[in-house]
């Protein structure tokens, strides 16, 4: 697990860095701090180039043209799996994390008595989310924390390329978040397949199809569409 810290208060950043290193060592977490900076530009460059899931600790006010929220938006434009934690002196700005749909794991106030306890908890959760996902479930970061969706409960996954957003339809509801079908597909097993550039389906959940409208119907009356290019595959899936 990569860790990135962006904080413009040098003393606080050094204290935070040392504490995170201590937690990583004491908990046996497989991770290291790859960026420790007061420069949003350095973090944004990393966001554009990185290929690894990352735990970000971001201050909000950075005495720069970019705020911590701006950095978080850049993260979500490129990466929906990485984890964001805001550490700031501005408690009143917490609602903005929901307004901007940044899916932050936590919003920690620097003056809080539980500051370091909260940081430890965030590292523990991040490590669990990023490194202990089983092959039979998806672990995702929702608005209220971590959720786990068993593969066998998933019907289909839809993407909106213009919004870089995915929606997962499963037995007990649906999940919406930033990301791409490609990122999700890499985490699934052989029961899942593309049926359209905007849809991934669980082949085991197909109950019928409508060849006139090219519609795939699932056993709870949910449905999605398939493209002509996948017509033969869909027929095979239904017969198997």
Protein backbone atom coordinates (compact mmCIF):
# COMPACT_ATOMS: atom_id res chain seq x y z
CA UNK A 1 0.00 0.00 0.00
CA UNK A 2 1.39 3.37 -1.02
CA UNK A 3 0.81 6.32 1.31
CA UNK A 4 0.80 9.96 0.19
CA UNK A 5 0.81 12.92 2.60
CA UNK A 6 0.09 16.47 1.47
CA UNK A 7 0.26 18.99 4.31
CA UNK A 8 1.68 22.53 4.32
CA UNK A 9 2.43 22.72 8.06
CA UNK A 10 5.96 21.32 8.15
CA UNK A 11 6.01 20.36 11.84
CA UNK A 12 2.60 18.69 11.70
CA UNK A 13 3.58 16.87 8.50
CA UNK A 14 6.73 15.50 10.12
CA UNK A 15 4.80 14.36 13.20
CA UNK A 16 2.17 12.77 10.98
CA UNK A 17 4.82 11.06 8.87
CA UNK A 18 6.61 9.61 11.88
CA UNK A 19 3.37 8.39 13.41
CA UNK A 20 2.21 6.70 10.19
CA UNK A 21 5.59 4.98 9.85
CA UNK A 22 5.23 3.74 13.43
CA UNK A 23 1.73 2.36 12.79
CA UNK A 24 2.84 0.65 9.58
CA UNK A 25 5.74 -1.02 11.43
CA UNK A 26 3.79 -1.99 14.55
CA UNK A 27 0.84 -3.42 12.63
CA UNK A 28 2.97 -5.20 10.08
CA UNK A 29 1.28 -3.34 7.24
CA UNK A 30 2.81 -3.87 3.82
CA UNK A 31 3.19 -0.26 2.79
CA UNK A 32 5.37 2.79 2.70
CA UNK A 33 5.15 6.56 2.36
CA UNK A 34 5.95 7.39 -1.25
CA UNK A 35 5.25 11.14 -1.11
CA UNK A 36 5.57 13.50 1.83
CA UNK A 37 5.07 17.05 0.58
CA UNK A 38 3.44 20.45 0.86
CA UNK A 39 3.08 20.65 -2.94
CA UNK A 40 -0.28 19.76 -4.52
CA UNK A 41 1.43 19.75 -7.92
CA UNK A 42 3.69 16.90 -6.83
CA UNK A 43 0.69 14.88 -5.69
CA UNK A 44 -1.29 15.61 -8.86
CA UNK A 45 1.67 14.46 -10.97
CA UNK A 46 1.73 11.23 -8.95
CA UNK A 47 -2.03 10.75 -9.42
CA UNK A 48 -1.69 10.96 -13.20
CA UNK A 49 1.23 8.54 -13.33
CA UNK A 50 0.61 6.07 -10.51
CA UNK A 51 -0.61 2.52 -11.08
CA UNK A 52 -0.97 1.54 -7.44
CA UNK A 53 -3.82 1.86 -4.99
CA UNK A 54 -2.91 4.57 -2.51
CA UNK A 55 -3.91 5.90 0.89
CA UNK A 56 -3.95 9.70 0.75
CA UNK A 57 -3.77 11.99 3.78
CA UNK A 58 -4.72 15.47 2.58
CA UNK A 59 -4.87 18.82 4.28
CA UNK A 60 -7.60 21.09 2.88
CA UNK A 61 -6.04 24.55 2.96
CA UNK A 62 -2.58 24.34 1.39
CA UNK A 63 -1.63 27.97 0.65
CA UNK A 64 -1.74 27.06 -3.01
CA UNK A 65 -4.09 27.47 -5.96
CA UNK A 66 -5.15 23.88 -5.25
CA UNK A 67 -6.95 22.78 -2.10
CA UNK A 68 -7.15 19.30 -0.65
CA UNK A 69 -10.59 19.04 -2.23
CA UNK A 70 -9.09 19.83 -5.64
CA UNK A 71 -6.54 17.05 -5.17
CA UNK A 72 -9.32 14.65 -4.12
CA UNK A 73 -11.29 15.49 -7.26
CA UNK A 74 -8.23 14.67 -9.36
CA UNK A 75 -7.92 11.35 -7.56
CA UNK A 76 -11.54 10.43 -8.22
CA UNK A 77 -11.26 11.41 -11.88
CA UNK A 78 -8.50 8.84 -12.31
CA UNK A 79 -8.98 6.33 -9.52
CA UNK A 80 -11.96 5.23 -7.47
CA UNK A 81 -10.31 2.49 -5.39
CA UNK A 82 -7.70 4.58 -3.58
CA UNK A 83 -8.59 5.89 -0.15
CA UNK A 84 -8.78 9.54 0.87
CA UNK A 85 -8.49 10.87 4.42
CA UNK A 86 -8.75 14.60 5.12
CA UNK A 87 -6.81 15.93 8.11
CA UNK A 88 -7.60 19.59 8.68
CA UNK A 89 -8.22 22.38 11.14
CA UNK A 90 -11.53 23.21 9.44
CA UNK A 91 -14.25 21.06 10.97
CA UNK A 92 -17.01 23.06 9.28
CA UNK A 93 -15.98 21.93 5.81
CA UNK A 94 -16.68 18.25 6.37
CA UNK A 95 -20.08 18.37 4.56
CA UNK A 96 -18.29 19.37 1.36
CA UNK A 97 -16.81 15.89 1.07
CA UNK A 98 -20.35 14.63 0.51
CA UNK A 99 -21.38 17.53 -1.69
CA UNK A 100 -18.44 16.92 -4.02
CA UNK A 101 -18.95 13.12 -3.87
CA UNK A 102 -15.32 12.50 -2.96
CA UNK A 103 -15.97 9.26 -1.03
CA UNK A 104 -13.51 10.03 1.73
CA UNK A 105 -12.90 7.37 4.37
CA UNK A 106 -12.62 9.94 7.15
CA UNK A 107 -12.45 13.64 7.96
CA UNK A 108 -10.17 14.20 10.93
CA UNK A 109 -9.82 17.49 12.77
CA UNK A 110 -6.24 18.23 13.82
CA UNK A 111 -7.28 19.47 17.27
CA UNK A 112 -9.32 16.36 18.01
CA UNK A 113 -8.32 14.42 21.12
CA UNK A 114 -8.68 11.23 19.10
CA UNK A 115 -6.47 12.44 16.22
CA UNK A 116 -3.92 9.64 16.35
CA UNK A 117 -6.48 7.01 17.24
CA UNK A 118 -8.44 7.98 14.12
CA UNK A 119 -5.31 7.88 11.96
CA UNK A 120 -4.52 4.39 13.21
CA UNK A 121 -8.07 3.26 12.45
CA UNK A 122 -7.85 4.66 8.91
CA UNK A 123 -4.60 2.77 8.23
CA UNK A 124 -6.13 -0.44 9.61
CA UNK A 125 -9.24 -0.11 7.45
CA UNK A 126 -7.24 0.81 4.36
CA UNK A 127 -4.96 -2.18 4.81
CA UNK A 128 -7.96 -4.47 5.19
CA UNK A 129 -9.71 -3.01 2.16
CA UNK A 130 -6.74 -3.00 -0.17
CA UNK A 131 -4.89 -6.15 0.80
CA UNK A 132 -7.42 -8.64 2.16
CA UNK A 133 -10.10 -8.75 -0.51
CA UNK A 134 -11.13 -12.35 -1.14
CA UNK A 135 -11.62 -13.75 -4.65
CA UNK A 136 -15.35 -14.16 -3.94
CA UNK A 137 -16.35 -10.65 -2.98
CA UNK A 138 -15.85 -7.01 -3.85
CA UNK A 139 -14.87 -4.67 -1.06
CA UNK A 140 -15.76 -1.09 -1.85
CA UNK A 141 -15.68 2.24 -0.11
CA UNK A 142 -19.19 3.68 0.19
CA UNK A 143 -20.51 6.89 1.69
CA UNK A 144 -20.93 5.20 5.08
CA UNK A 145 -17.75 3.17 5.06
CA UNK A 146 -16.73 -0.22 3.72
CA UNK A 147 -19.19 -2.55 2.02
CA UNK A 148 -18.61 -6.11 0.83
CA UNK A 149 -20.62 -7.49 -2.08
CA UNK A 150 -20.41 -11.28 -2.66
CA UNK A 151 -19.87 -12.17 -6.31
CA UNK A 152 -22.89 -14.47 -6.29
CA UNK A 153 -25.14 -11.54 -5.33
CA UNK A 154 -24.13 -9.35 -8.27
CA UNK A 155 -26.44 -9.18 -11.31
CA UNK A 156 -24.68 -6.68 -13.52
CA UNK A 157 -22.43 -3.64 -13.51
CA UNK A 158 -23.05 -0.54 -15.59
CA UNK A 159 -20.78 2.32 -16.50
CA UNK A 160 -21.35 5.90 -17.54
CA UNK A 161 -18.24 6.89 -19.45
CA UNK A 162 -19.12 10.57 -19.49
CA UNK A 163 -19.24 10.66 -15.69
CA UNK A 164 -16.55 8.01 -15.05
CA UNK A 165 -19.07 6.36 -12.76
CA UNK A 166 -20.09 2.75 -12.18
CA UNK A 167 -23.25 1.26 -10.71
CA UNK A 168 -23.28 -2.29 -9.34
CA UNK A 169 -26.70 -3.93 -9.13
CA UNK A 170 -26.82 -6.73 -6.61
CA UNK A 171 -29.23 -8.73 -4.45
CA UNK A 172 -29.73 -6.18 -1.68
CA UNK A 173 -29.57 -2.95 -3.66
CA UNK A 174 -27.04 -1.06 -5.72
CA UNK A 175 -23.72 0.70 -5.28
CA UNK A 176 -22.65 3.87 -7.11
CA UNK A 177 -19.12 5.16 -7.25
CA UNK A 178 -16.37 6.56 -9.41
CA UNK A 179 -14.46 4.12 -11.56
CA UNK A 180 -14.43 2.13 -14.75
CA UNK A 181 -15.63 -1.28 -15.90
CA UNK A 182 -12.03 -2.22 -16.71
CA UNK A 183 -10.95 -1.65 -13.11
CA UNK A 184 -13.86 -3.69 -11.77
CA UNK A 185 -13.51 -6.51 -14.30
CA UNK A 186 -9.92 -7.14 -13.23
CA UNK A 187 -11.21 -7.96 -9.74
CA UNK A 188 -13.93 -10.42 -10.81
CA UNK A 189 -13.81 -14.12 -11.66
CA UNK A 190 -14.84 -16.31 -14.60
CA UNK A 191 -18.59 -16.04 -14.00
CA UNK A 192 -18.49 -12.42 -15.22
CA UNK A 193 -18.26 -11.19 -18.81
CA UNK A 194 -18.78 -8.14 -20.95
CA UNK A 195 -22.01 -8.11 -22.97
CA UNK A 196 -21.69 -4.50 -24.10
CA UNK A 197 -19.06 -1.79 -23.77
CA UNK A 198 -21.14 -0.34 -20.92
CA UNK A 199 -22.17 -3.55 -19.15
CA UNK A 200 -20.59 -6.49 -17.34
CA UNK A 201 -22.97 -9.28 -16.34
CA UNK A 202 -22.95 -12.26 -14.01
CA UNK A 203 -23.63 -15.10 -16.47
CA UNK A 204 -25.08 -17.26 -13.70
CA UNK A 205 -27.86 -14.72 -13.08
CA UNK A 206 -29.32 -14.70 -16.61
CA UNK A 207 -32.88 -16.04 -16.73
CA UNK A 208 -33.93 -15.02 -20.24
CA UNK A 209 -33.21 -12.75 -23.18
CA UNK A 210 -35.22 -10.73 -25.65
CA UNK A 211 -33.50 -11.01 -29.03
CA UNK A 212 -35.65 -8.28 -30.59
CA UNK A 213 -34.52 -5.62 -28.13
CA UNK A 214 -31.23 -7.38 -27.25
CA UNK A 215 -32.17 -7.35 -23.60
CA UNK A 216 -30.73 -9.62 -20.88
CA UNK A 217 -33.21 -10.30 -18.08
CA UNK A 218 -32.25 -11.41 -14.59
CA UNK A 219 -34.29 -13.35 -12.06
CA UNK A 220 -35.45 -10.28 -10.17
CA UNK A 221 -36.70 -8.46 -13.29
CA UNK A 222 -33.60 -6.32 -13.55
CA UNK A 223 -32.31 -6.10 -17.10
CA UNK A 224 -29.57 -4.63 -19.24
CA UNK A 225 -28.74 -4.67 -22.93
CA UNK A 226 -26.21 -6.55 -25.02
CA UNK A 227 -24.65 -5.49 -28.30
CA UNK A 228 -24.76 -7.39 -31.61
CA UNK A 229 -21.12 -8.35 -31.19
CA UNK A 230 -22.01 -10.43 -28.11
CA UNK A 231 -25.18 -12.09 -29.46
CA UNK A 232 -23.58 -15.54 -29.93
CA UNK A 233 -21.95 -15.46 -26.49
CA UNK A 234 -25.20 -14.47 -24.80
CA UNK A 235 -26.98 -17.40 -26.45
CA UNK A 236 -24.31 -19.79 -25.17
CA UNK A 237 -24.48 -18.39 -21.65
CA UNK A 238 -28.24 -18.89 -21.55
CA UNK A 239 -27.91 -22.52 -22.71
CA UNK A 240 -25.10 -23.47 -20.33
